[in-house]
Amino acid sequence: MAKLENPVLIATVGAAQGLRGEVRVKSYTDDPLALGDYGNLHATDGRIFEILDMREAKNMVIVRFRGINDRTAAESLNGLDLYIDRANLPDEELEEDEFYFADLEGLEAVDAEGRSWGHVSGIYDFGAGDLLELKGQGRRPALIPFSEAAVLEIDLDAGKMLVDPVAAGLTEGPSDGLPPSISGGEPRK
């Protein structure tokens, strides 16, 4: 099997379900049942998984893959990450302000003065909203909120995103600690 050019994590296999080879799968799609819409799923070791049957369960889907016919085989998949190629994701369904996380990774974060704050190296959600991890040369990694206040503009073609360092928590505001728009400084664009 050829290696995926631009792999996107779409699901993670969990525990075995029953005796017939079914597994619990955590789907990273908006609609968990849409997991079957992207074709075969790929593991990093080159294995390809074809979905034969799928049904929704609480916070996950129960999946039966071709060739996984018993509990022992299903248990061997526990913790396996499954990928599709980025080209299989539909771009026409995205709204103007929606992005695939895979497209954000690697973007350079710059402020209005053109100063670089690093590149997006990861996206996390610990329950209070999405966070972008920025890694820059000579800097410790920083987490910033993926919000309209912190990330002002995203230009995928240029490979950059415009950030407000104060709203992103990368730097403090003026001496009174308030953002420029509140303290009388220039408003953010």
N, C-alpha and C. Protein backbone atom coordinates (compact mmCIF):
# COMPACT_ATOMS: atom_id res chain seq x y z
N MET A 1 0.84 -1.18 0.00
CA MET A 1 0.00 0.00 0.00
C MET A 1 0.87 1.23 0.00
N ALA A 2 0.53 2.20 -0.80
CA ALA A 2 1.25 3.46 -0.82
C ALA A 2 0.89 4.26 0.43
N LYS A 3 1.88 4.95 0.94
CA LYS A 3 1.66 5.76 2.13
C LYS A 3 0.78 6.96 1.77
N LEU A 4 -0.09 7.35 2.68
CA LEU A 4 -0.96 8.51 2.45
C LEU A 4 -0.09 9.75 2.32
N GLU A 5 -0.41 10.61 1.33
CA GLU A 5 0.37 11.83 1.12
C GLU A 5 0.16 12.84 2.25
N ASN A 6 -1.08 13.03 2.62
CA ASN A 6 -1.42 14.00 3.65
C ASN A 6 -2.44 13.37 4.59
N PRO A 7 -1.99 12.51 5.52
CA PRO A 7 -2.94 11.79 6.36
C PRO A 7 -3.66 12.70 7.36
N VAL A 8 -4.93 12.41 7.55
CA VAL A 8 -5.76 13.13 8.51
C VAL A 8 -6.36 12.09 9.45
N LEU A 9 -6.11 12.27 10.74
CA LEU A 9 -6.68 11.36 11.74
C LEU A 9 -8.18 11.53 11.75
N ILE A 10 -8.89 10.42 11.54
CA ILE A 10 -10.35 10.49 11.47
C ILE A 10 -11.02 9.68 12.56
N ALA A 11 -10.30 8.70 13.15
CA ALA A 11 -10.92 7.85 14.17
C ALA A 11 -9.86 7.10 14.95
N THR A 12 -10.25 6.66 16.15
CA THR A 12 -9.39 5.81 16.98
C THR A 12 -10.22 4.62 17.44
N VAL A 13 -9.65 3.44 17.25
CA VAL A 13 -10.33 2.21 17.64
C VAL A 13 -10.21 2.03 19.15
N GLY A 14 -11.31 1.63 19.77
CA GLY A 14 -11.33 1.37 21.20
C GLY A 14 -11.48 -0.11 21.48
N ALA A 15 -12.20 -0.43 22.48
CA ALA A 15 -12.35 -1.82 22.95
C ALA A 15 -13.19 -2.65 21.99
N ALA A 16 -13.01 -3.96 22.10
CA ALA A 16 -13.84 -4.91 21.35
C ALA A 16 -15.26 -4.86 21.88
N GLN A 17 -16.21 -5.15 21.00
CA GLN A 17 -17.63 -5.14 21.36
C GLN A 17 -18.22 -6.48 20.96
N GLY A 18 -18.50 -7.31 21.90
CA GLY A 18 -19.10 -8.60 21.59
C GLY A 18 -18.07 -9.62 21.13
N LEU A 19 -18.57 -10.68 20.50
CA LEU A 19 -17.72 -11.80 20.11
C LEU A 19 -17.49 -11.91 18.60
N ARG A 20 -18.19 -11.10 17.80
CA ARG A 20 -18.13 -11.26 16.34
C ARG A 20 -17.08 -10.37 15.66
N GLY A 21 -16.21 -9.73 16.41
CA GLY A 21 -15.17 -8.91 15.80
C GLY A 21 -15.50 -7.43 15.70
N GLU A 22 -16.59 -7.00 16.31
CA GLU A 22 -16.92 -5.58 16.29
C GLU A 22 -16.04 -4.83 17.28
N VAL A 23 -15.82 -3.54 16.98
CA VAL A 23 -15.03 -2.69 17.87
C VAL A 23 -15.76 -1.36 18.08
N ARG A 24 -15.48 -0.75 19.20
CA ARG A 24 -15.96 0.60 19.47
C ARG A 24 -14.96 1.55 18.83
N VAL A 25 -15.46 2.57 18.17
CA VAL A 25 -14.60 3.50 17.46
C VAL A 25 -15.00 4.93 17.82
N LYS A 26 -14.01 5.72 18.20
CA LYS A 26 -14.22 7.15 18.45
C LYS A 26 -14.00 7.86 17.12
N SER A 27 -15.07 8.40 16.57
CA SER A 27 -15.01 9.09 15.28
C SER A 27 -14.78 10.58 15.52
N TYR A 28 -13.91 11.19 14.72
CA TYR A 28 -13.64 12.63 14.84
C TYR A 28 -14.39 13.44 13.80
N THR A 29 -15.46 12.87 13.26
CA THR A 29 -16.30 13.59 12.30
C THR A 29 -17.48 14.20 13.06
N ASP A 30 -18.08 15.24 12.48
CA ASP A 30 -19.25 15.86 13.11
C ASP A 30 -20.36 14.84 13.33
N ASP A 31 -20.65 14.09 12.30
CA ASP A 31 -21.63 13.01 12.38
C ASP A 31 -20.84 11.71 12.47
N PRO A 32 -20.86 11.03 13.61
CA PRO A 32 -20.06 9.81 13.76
C PRO A 32 -20.31 8.77 12.67
N LEU A 33 -21.53 8.69 12.16
CA LEU A 33 -21.83 7.72 11.11
C LEU A 33 -21.24 8.12 9.75
N ALA A 34 -20.76 9.33 9.63
CA ALA A 34 -20.13 9.78 8.38
C ALA A 34 -18.77 9.12 8.19
N LEU A 35 -18.29 8.44 9.19
CA LEU A 35 -17.00 7.75 9.11
C LEU A 35 -16.95 6.84 7.89
N GLY A 36 -18.05 6.26 7.53
CA GLY A 36 -18.10 5.36 6.39
C GLY A 36 -18.15 6.06 5.04
N ASP A 37 -18.26 7.38 5.03
CA ASP A 37 -18.38 8.14 3.78
C ASP A 37 -17.04 8.43 3.11
N TYR A 38 -15.93 8.16 3.78
CA TYR A 38 -14.62 8.56 3.27
C TYR A 38 -13.83 7.43 2.64
N GLY A 39 -14.45 6.29 2.45
CA GLY A 39 -13.75 5.16 1.86
C GLY A 39 -13.00 4.37 2.91
N ASN A 40 -12.00 3.64 2.45
CA ASN A 40 -11.21 2.81 3.36
C ASN A 40 -10.41 3.67 4.32
N LEU A 41 -10.19 3.11 5.52
CA LEU A 41 -9.41 3.79 6.55
C LEU A 41 -8.03 3.13 6.58
N HIS A 42 -7.02 3.92 6.93
CA HIS A 42 -5.64 3.45 6.87
C HIS A 42 -4.97 3.57 8.23
N ALA A 43 -4.15 2.59 8.56
CA ALA A 43 -3.30 2.65 9.76
C ALA A 43 -1.90 3.06 9.32
N THR A 44 -1.11 3.58 10.24
CA THR A 44 0.25 4.02 9.89
C THR A 44 1.16 2.87 9.49
N ASP A 45 0.81 1.65 9.87
CA ASP A 45 1.63 0.49 9.50
C ASP A 45 1.28 -0.06 8.12
N GLY A 46 0.39 0.60 7.39
CA GLY A 46 0.06 0.20 6.03
C GLY A 46 -1.21 -0.62 5.89
N ARG A 47 -1.80 -1.06 7.00
CA ARG A 47 -3.03 -1.84 6.91
C ARG A 47 -4.18 -0.95 6.45
N ILE A 48 -5.08 -1.54 5.68
CA ILE A 48 -6.27 -0.85 5.18
C ILE A 48 -7.50 -1.52 5.78
N PHE A 49 -8.44 -0.70 6.24
CA PHE A 49 -9.64 -1.22 6.88
C PHE A 49 -10.88 -0.78 6.11
N GLU A 50 -11.67 -1.77 5.69
CA GLU A 50 -12.92 -1.52 5.01
C GLU A 50 -14.06 -1.74 6.00
N ILE A 51 -14.93 -0.76 6.11
CA ILE A 51 -16.07 -0.86 7.02
C ILE A 51 -17.16 -1.69 6.36
N LEU A 52 -17.57 -2.77 7.04
CA LEU A 52 -18.66 -3.61 6.55
C LEU A 52 -20.00 -3.21 7.15
N ASP A 53 -19.98 -2.85 8.42
CA ASP A 53 -21.21 -2.53 9.13
C ASP A 53 -20.89 -1.51 10.21
N MET A 54 -21.84 -0.63 10.48
CA MET A 54 -21.61 0.40 11.49
C MET A 54 -22.94 0.83 12.08
N ARG A 55 -22.93 1.04 13.38
CA ARG A 55 -24.13 1.56 14.04
C ARG A 55 -23.69 2.53 15.14
N GLU A 56 -24.56 3.47 15.43
CA GLU A 56 -24.23 4.48 16.43
C GLU A 56 -24.47 3.95 17.83
N ALA A 57 -23.58 4.32 18.73
CA ALA A 57 -23.72 4.02 20.15
C ALA A 57 -23.43 5.32 20.90
N LYS A 58 -23.53 5.28 22.18
CA LYS A 58 -23.32 6.47 22.99
C LYS A 58 -21.90 7.02 22.78
N ASN A 59 -21.77 8.22 22.23
CA ASN A 59 -20.51 8.92 22.02
C ASN A 59 -19.52 8.19 21.10
N MET A 60 -19.95 7.21 20.34
CA MET A 60 -19.05 6.47 19.45
C MET A 60 -19.87 5.68 18.45
N VAL A 61 -19.17 4.92 17.62
CA VAL A 61 -19.84 4.01 16.71
C VAL A 61 -19.29 2.61 16.92
N ILE A 62 -20.12 1.63 16.66
CA ILE A 62 -19.70 0.23 16.70
C ILE A 62 -19.46 -0.18 15.25
N VAL A 63 -18.26 -0.66 14.96
CA VAL A 63 -17.87 -0.94 13.57
C VAL A 63 -17.43 -2.39 13.43
N ARG A 64 -17.76 -2.95 12.28
CA ARG A 64 -17.24 -4.26 11.92
C ARG A 64 -16.43 -4.08 10.64
N PHE A 65 -15.14 -4.42 10.71
CA PHE A 65 -14.24 -4.30 9.58
C PHE A 65 -14.10 -5.62 8.86
N ARG A 66 -13.86 -5.57 7.56
CA ARG A 66 -13.60 -6.77 6.77
C ARG A 66 -12.35 -7.46 7.32
N GLY A 67 -12.44 -8.76 7.54
CA GLY A 67 -11.30 -9.54 8.01
C GLY A 67 -11.12 -9.59 9.51
N ILE A 68 -11.90 -8.82 10.25
CA ILE A 68 -11.86 -8.86 11.72
C ILE A 68 -13.12 -9.61 12.13
N ASN A 69 -12.96 -10.92 12.41
CA ASN A 69 -14.13 -11.78 12.57
C ASN A 69 -14.34 -12.33 13.97
N ASP A 70 -13.43 -12.05 14.91
CA ASP A 70 -13.64 -12.56 16.27
C ASP A 70 -13.11 -11.56 17.28
N ARG A 71 -13.41 -11.82 18.52
CA ARG A 71 -13.04 -10.90 19.59
C ARG A 71 -11.53 -10.72 19.70
N THR A 72 -10.77 -11.78 19.52
CA THR A 72 -9.31 -11.69 19.63
C THR A 72 -8.76 -10.73 18.59
N ALA A 73 -9.21 -10.84 17.36
CA ALA A 73 -8.76 -9.93 16.30
C ALA A 73 -9.20 -8.50 16.62
N ALA A 74 -10.40 -8.33 17.13
CA ALA A 74 -10.90 -7.00 17.48
C ALA A 74 -10.09 -6.39 18.62
N GLU A 75 -9.75 -7.20 19.62
CA GLU A 75 -8.96 -6.70 20.75
C GLU A 75 -7.58 -6.23 20.31
N SER A 76 -7.03 -6.82 19.27
CA SER A 76 -5.69 -6.43 18.79
C SER A 76 -5.69 -5.04 18.16
N LEU A 77 -6.85 -4.49 17.86
CA LEU A 77 -6.95 -3.15 17.24
C LEU A 77 -7.09 -2.03 18.27
N ASN A 78 -7.27 -2.37 19.52
CA ASN A 78 -7.50 -1.36 20.56
C ASN A 78 -6.40 -0.30 20.55
N GLY A 79 -6.80 0.96 20.43
CA GLY A 79 -5.86 2.08 20.45
C GLY A 79 -5.32 2.46 19.08
N LEU A 80 -5.72 1.77 18.04
CA LEU A 80 -5.22 2.03 16.69
C LEU A 80 -5.85 3.30 16.11
N ASP A 81 -5.01 4.22 15.65
CA ASP A 81 -5.49 5.42 14.98
C ASP A 81 -5.72 5.12 13.51
N LEU A 82 -6.81 5.65 12.97
CA LEU A 82 -7.17 5.42 11.57
C LEU A 82 -7.21 6.75 10.83
N TYR A 83 -6.70 6.73 9.60
CA TYR A 83 -6.52 7.95 8.82
C TYR A 83 -7.17 7.82 7.45
N ILE A 84 -7.43 8.99 6.85
CA ILE A 84 -7.79 9.09 5.44
C ILE A 84 -6.86 10.13 4.85
N ASP A 85 -6.80 10.20 3.55
CA ASP A 85 -5.99 11.23 2.91
C ASP A 85 -6.77 12.54 2.90
N ARG A 86 -6.10 13.65 3.06
CA ARG A 86 -6.73 14.97 3.10
C ARG A 86 -7.58 15.21 1.84
N ALA A 87 -7.14 14.67 0.71
CA ALA A 87 -7.87 14.86 -0.55
C ALA A 87 -9.27 14.26 -0.50
N ASN A 88 -9.54 13.34 0.42
CA ASN A 88 -10.87 12.73 0.53
C ASN A 88 -11.86 13.58 1.32
N LEU A 89 -11.40 14.66 1.93
CA LEU A 89 -12.30 15.52 2.69
C LEU A 89 -12.96 16.54 1.77
N PRO A 90 -14.26 16.73 1.86
CA PRO A 90 -14.95 17.66 0.96
C PRO A 90 -14.75 19.11 1.38
N ASP A 91 -14.16 19.91 0.49
CA ASP A 91 -13.95 21.34 0.78
C ASP A 91 -15.21 22.16 0.57
N GLU A 92 -16.06 21.73 -0.36
CA GLU A 92 -17.23 22.55 -0.69
C GLU A 92 -18.25 22.62 0.44
N GLU A 93 -18.15 21.75 1.43
CA GLU A 93 -19.11 21.77 2.54
C GLU A 93 -18.71 22.75 3.65
N LEU A 94 -17.50 23.28 3.60
CA LEU A 94 -17.03 24.18 4.65
C LEU A 94 -17.60 25.58 4.48
N GLU A 95 -17.98 26.17 5.60
CA GLU A 95 -18.38 27.57 5.60
C GLU A 95 -17.11 28.42 5.47
N GLU A 96 -17.29 29.72 5.25
CA GLU A 96 -16.14 30.60 5.06
C GLU A 96 -15.20 30.60 6.26
N ASP A 97 -15.73 30.51 7.47
CA ASP A 97 -14.90 30.57 8.67
C ASP A 97 -14.66 29.20 9.29
N GLU A 98 -14.81 28.12 8.51
CA GLU A 98 -14.56 26.77 9.00
C GLU A 98 -13.30 26.21 8.34
N PHE A 99 -12.55 25.42 9.12
CA PHE A 99 -11.30 24.86 8.63
C PHE A 99 -11.13 23.45 9.16
N TYR A 100 -10.46 22.62 8.40
CA TYR A 100 -10.04 21.33 8.90
C TYR A 100 -8.77 21.55 9.73
N PHE A 101 -8.71 20.88 10.87
CA PHE A 101 -7.52 21.02 11.72
C PHE A 101 -6.25 20.69 10.94
N ALA A 102 -6.32 19.72 10.06
CA ALA A 102 -5.14 19.33 9.28
C ALA A 102 -4.62 20.49 8.44
N ASP A 103 -5.52 21.40 8.02
CA ASP A 103 -5.09 22.55 7.21
C ASP A 103 -4.44 23.63 8.06
N LEU A 104 -4.73 23.65 9.36
CA LEU A 104 -4.15 24.67 10.24
C LEU A 104 -2.74 24.32 10.69
N GLU A 105 -2.45 23.03 10.78
CA GLU A 105 -1.13 22.62 11.24
C GLU A 105 -0.07 23.10 10.26
N GLY A 106 0.95 23.73 10.81
CA GLY A 106 2.04 24.25 10.00
C GLY A 106 1.91 25.72 9.65
N LEU A 107 0.72 26.31 9.85
CA LEU A 107 0.56 27.74 9.56
C LEU A 107 1.45 28.57 10.49
N GLU A 108 2.02 29.65 9.95
CA GLU A 108 2.81 30.55 10.77
C GLU A 108 1.88 31.59 11.39
N ALA A 109 2.03 31.81 12.69
CA ALA A 109 1.23 32.82 13.40
C ALA A 109 2.04 34.11 13.43
N VAL A 110 1.48 35.17 12.84
CA VAL A 110 2.14 36.47 12.82
C VAL A 110 1.19 37.52 13.36
N ASP A 111 1.76 38.59 13.93
CA ASP A 111 0.92 39.69 14.42
C ASP A 111 0.87 40.78 13.35
N ALA A 112 0.17 41.88 13.64
CA ALA A 112 -0.03 42.96 12.68
C ALA A 112 1.29 43.61 12.26
N GLU A 113 2.31 43.54 13.11
CA GLU A 113 3.62 44.10 12.77
C GLU A 113 4.49 43.12 11.98
N GLY A 114 3.97 41.93 11.72
CA GLY A 114 4.72 40.94 10.95
C GLY A 114 5.62 40.06 11.80
N ARG A 115 5.57 40.21 13.13
CA ARG A 115 6.40 39.42 14.03
C ARG A 115 5.85 38.00 14.11
N SER A 116 6.73 37.02 13.96
CA SER A 116 6.31 35.62 14.01
C SER A 116 6.24 35.14 15.46
N TRP A 117 5.17 34.40 15.76
CA TRP A 117 4.97 33.82 17.09
C TRP A 117 5.11 32.30 17.05
N GLY A 118 5.51 31.78 15.91
CA GLY A 118 5.70 30.35 15.78
C GLY A 118 4.75 29.76 14.76
N HIS A 119 4.79 28.44 14.65
CA HIS A 119 3.94 27.69 13.73
C HIS A 119 2.99 26.80 14.52
N VAL A 120 1.80 26.59 13.97
CA VAL A 120 0.82 25.71 14.61
C VAL A 120 1.35 24.28 14.54
N SER A 121 1.56 23.70 15.71
CA SER A 121 2.11 22.34 15.77
C SER A 121 1.10 21.33 16.31
N GLY A 122 -0.06 21.81 16.77
CA GLY A 122 -1.07 20.91 17.28
C GLY A 122 -2.34 21.66 17.61
N ILE A 123 -3.45 20.95 17.63
CA ILE A 123 -4.74 21.51 18.00
C ILE A 123 -5.33 20.61 19.08
N TYR A 124 -5.79 21.23 20.18
CA TYR A 124 -6.28 20.46 21.32
C TYR A 124 -7.63 21.00 21.75
N ASP A 125 -8.41 20.12 22.35
CA ASP A 125 -9.68 20.52 22.95
C ASP A 125 -9.80 19.78 24.28
N PHE A 126 -9.61 20.51 25.37
CA PHE A 126 -9.69 19.92 26.70
C PHE A 126 -11.06 20.15 27.32
N GLY A 127 -12.02 20.60 26.51
CA GLY A 127 -13.39 20.77 26.98
C GLY A 127 -13.88 22.20 27.03
N ALA A 128 -12.98 23.16 26.98
CA ALA A 128 -13.40 24.56 27.08
C ALA A 128 -13.21 25.31 25.76
N GLY A 129 -13.02 24.59 24.68
CA GLY A 129 -12.81 25.21 23.38
C GLY A 129 -11.47 24.80 22.80
N ASP A 130 -11.33 25.00 21.51
CA ASP A 130 -10.12 24.58 20.82
C ASP A 130 -8.95 25.48 21.17
N LEU A 131 -7.78 24.86 21.29
CA LEU A 131 -6.53 25.57 21.54
C LEU A 131 -5.54 25.21 20.45
N LEU A 132 -4.78 26.20 20.00
CA LEU A 132 -3.73 25.98 19.03
C LEU A 132 -2.39 26.01 19.76
N GLU A 133 -1.54 25.04 19.47
CA GLU A 133 -0.20 25.03 20.04
C GLU A 133 0.74 25.68 19.03
N LEU A 134 1.48 26.69 19.49
CA LEU A 134 2.45 27.37 18.65
C LEU A 134 3.85 27.02 19.13
N LYS A 135 4.70 26.61 18.19
CA LYS A 135 6.10 26.35 18.49
C LYS A 135 6.94 27.26 17.61
N GLY A 136 7.84 27.99 18.25
CA GLY A 136 8.74 28.87 17.51
C GLY A 136 10.17 28.61 17.92
N GLN A 137 11.08 28.95 17.03
CA GLN A 137 12.48 28.73 17.30
C GLN A 137 12.92 29.56 18.51
N GLY A 138 13.52 28.89 19.49
CA GLY A 138 14.00 29.57 20.68
C GLY A 138 12.91 29.92 21.68
N ARG A 139 11.70 29.41 21.46
CA ARG A 139 10.58 29.70 22.36
C ARG A 139 9.98 28.40 22.86
N ARG A 140 9.45 28.48 24.06
CA ARG A 140 8.69 27.33 24.58
C ARG A 140 7.35 27.28 23.86
N PRO A 141 6.80 26.08 23.67
CA PRO A 141 5.47 25.99 23.03
C PRO A 141 4.43 26.76 23.84
N ALA A 142 3.51 27.38 23.14
CA ALA A 142 2.45 28.15 23.78
C ALA A 142 1.11 27.71 23.23
N LEU A 143 0.11 27.68 24.10
CA LEU A 143 -1.26 27.38 23.70
C LEU A 143 -2.04 28.68 23.63
N ILE A 144 -2.74 28.88 22.51
CA ILE A 144 -3.58 30.08 22.38
C ILE A 144 -5.00 29.63 22.04
N PRO A 145 -5.99 30.41 22.42
CA PRO A 145 -7.37 30.04 22.09
C PRO A 145 -7.61 30.19 20.59
N PHE A 146 -8.33 29.25 20.01
CA PHE A 146 -8.72 29.35 18.61
C PHE A 146 -10.06 30.06 18.58
N SER A 147 -9.99 31.37 18.76
CA SER A 147 -11.19 32.21 18.84
C SER A 147 -11.03 33.38 17.88
N GLU A 148 -12.14 34.06 17.60
CA GLU A 148 -12.10 35.22 16.71
C GLU A 148 -11.29 36.36 17.30
N ALA A 149 -11.23 36.46 18.62
CA ALA A 149 -10.46 37.53 19.26
C ALA A 149 -8.96 37.29 19.14
N ALA A 150 -8.54 36.03 19.26
CA ALA A 150 -7.11 35.71 19.24
C ALA A 150 -6.59 35.48 17.82
N VAL A 151 -7.37 34.81 16.99
CA VAL A 151 -6.98 34.54 15.60
C VAL A 151 -7.86 35.40 14.71
N LEU A 152 -7.27 36.46 14.18
CA LEU A 152 -8.04 37.45 13.45
C LEU A 152 -8.32 37.07 12.00
N GLU A 153 -7.37 36.37 11.39
CA GLU A 153 -7.50 36.05 9.97
C GLU A 153 -6.67 34.80 9.67
N ILE A 154 -7.16 33.99 8.76
CA ILE A 154 -6.44 32.79 8.34
C ILE A 154 -6.31 32.82 6.83
N ASP A 155 -5.08 32.72 6.34
CA ASP A 155 -4.81 32.68 4.91
C ASP A 155 -4.08 31.39 4.60
N LEU A 156 -4.86 30.36 4.21
CA LEU A 156 -4.29 29.05 3.94
C LEU A 156 -3.32 29.09 2.76
N ASP A 157 -3.63 29.89 1.75
CA ASP A 157 -2.77 29.97 0.57
C ASP A 157 -1.40 30.54 0.91
N ALA A 158 -1.35 31.53 1.80
CA ALA A 158 -0.08 32.13 2.20
C ALA A 158 0.60 31.34 3.32
N GLY A 159 -0.14 30.41 3.95
CA GLY A 159 0.44 29.62 5.03
C GLY A 159 0.59 30.41 6.32
N LYS A 160 -0.28 31.42 6.51
CA LYS A 160 -0.16 32.29 7.70
C LYS A 160 -1.52 32.54 8.32
N MET A 161 -1.45 32.90 9.60
CA MET A 161 -2.66 33.38 10.27
C MET A 161 -2.27 34.60 11.09
N LEU A 162 -3.14 35.59 11.09
CA LEU A 162 -2.92 36.82 11.83
C LEU A 162 -3.47 36.65 13.23
N VAL A 163 -2.62 36.89 14.24
CA VAL A 163 -3.04 36.75 15.63
C VAL A 163 -2.92 38.07 16.37
N ASP A 164 -3.74 38.24 17.38
CA ASP A 164 -3.62 39.36 18.31
C ASP A 164 -2.87 38.80 19.51
N PRO A 165 -1.60 39.18 19.71
CA PRO A 165 -0.80 38.58 20.79
C PRO A 165 -1.38 38.81 22.19
N VAL A 166 -2.09 39.92 22.38
CA VAL A 166 -2.68 40.20 23.69
C VAL A 166 -3.86 39.27 23.93
N ALA A 167 -4.79 39.21 22.98
CA ALA A 167 -5.97 38.35 23.12
C ALA A 167 -5.57 36.87 23.16
N ALA A 168 -4.47 36.54 22.49
CA ALA A 168 -4.00 35.16 22.47
C ALA A 168 -3.24 34.79 23.73
N GLY A 169 -2.92 35.79 24.57
CA GLY A 169 -2.18 35.51 25.80
C GLY A 169 -0.69 35.33 25.58
N LEU A 170 -0.20 35.77 24.43
CA LEU A 170 1.23 35.63 24.14
C LEU A 170 2.05 36.76 24.75
N THR A 171 1.40 37.88 25.00
CA THR A 171 2.06 39.03 25.60
C THR A 171 1.04 39.80 26.41
N GLU A 172 1.52 40.63 27.30
CA GLU A 172 0.60 41.47 28.09
C GLU A 172 0.30 42.73 27.30
N GLY A 173 -0.81 43.37 27.64
CA GLY A 173 -1.19 44.61 26.99
C GLY A 173 -0.37 45.78 27.53
N PRO A 174 -0.86 47.00 27.39
CA PRO A 174 -0.18 48.18 27.93
C PRO A 174 0.01 48.05 29.45
N SER A 175 0.67 49.00 30.02
CA SER A 175 1.06 48.91 31.44
C SER A 175 -0.12 48.69 32.38
N ASP A 176 -1.33 49.10 31.99
CA ASP A 176 -2.48 48.88 32.87
C ASP A 176 -3.06 47.47 32.72
N GLY A 177 -2.51 46.68 31.78
CA GLY A 177 -2.94 45.31 31.62
C GLY A 177 -4.18 45.14 30.76
N LEU A 178 -4.75 46.26 30.24
CA LEU A 178 -5.94 46.17 29.40
C LEU A 178 -5.53 46.10 27.93
N PRO A 179 -6.31 45.44 27.11
CA PRO A 179 -6.02 45.42 25.68
C PRO A 179 -6.07 46.84 25.12
N PRO A 180 -5.36 47.12 24.01
CA PRO A 180 -5.33 48.47 23.44
C PRO A 180 -6.70 49.05 23.17
N SER A 181 -7.68 48.26 22.74
CA SER A 181 -9.00 48.79 22.41
C SER A 181 -9.74 49.31 23.64
N ILE A 182 -9.36 48.85 24.84
CA ILE A 182 -10.02 49.31 26.06
C ILE A 182 -9.23 50.42 26.73
N SER A 183 -7.92 50.39 26.59
CA SER A 183 -7.08 51.35 27.30
C SER A 183 -6.88 52.65 26.54
N GLY A 184 -7.47 52.77 25.38
CA GLY A 184 -7.35 54.02 24.64
C GLY A 184 -6.35 53.91 23.51
N GLY A 185 -5.68 52.81 23.36
CA GLY A 185 -4.75 52.60 22.24
C GLY A 185 -5.53 52.35 20.97
N GLU A 186 -4.81 52.02 19.94
CA GLU A 186 -5.48 51.76 18.66
C GLU A 186 -6.30 50.49 18.72
N PRO A 187 -7.49 50.51 18.15
CA PRO A 187 -8.32 49.30 18.14
C PRO A 187 -7.72 48.24 17.24
N ARG A 188 -8.08 46.98 17.52
CA ARG A 188 -7.62 45.87 16.69
C ARG A 188 -8.33 45.89 15.36
N LYS A 189 -7.64 45.45 14.34
CA LYS A 189 -8.23 45.40 12.99
C LYS A 189 -8.81 44.05 12.73
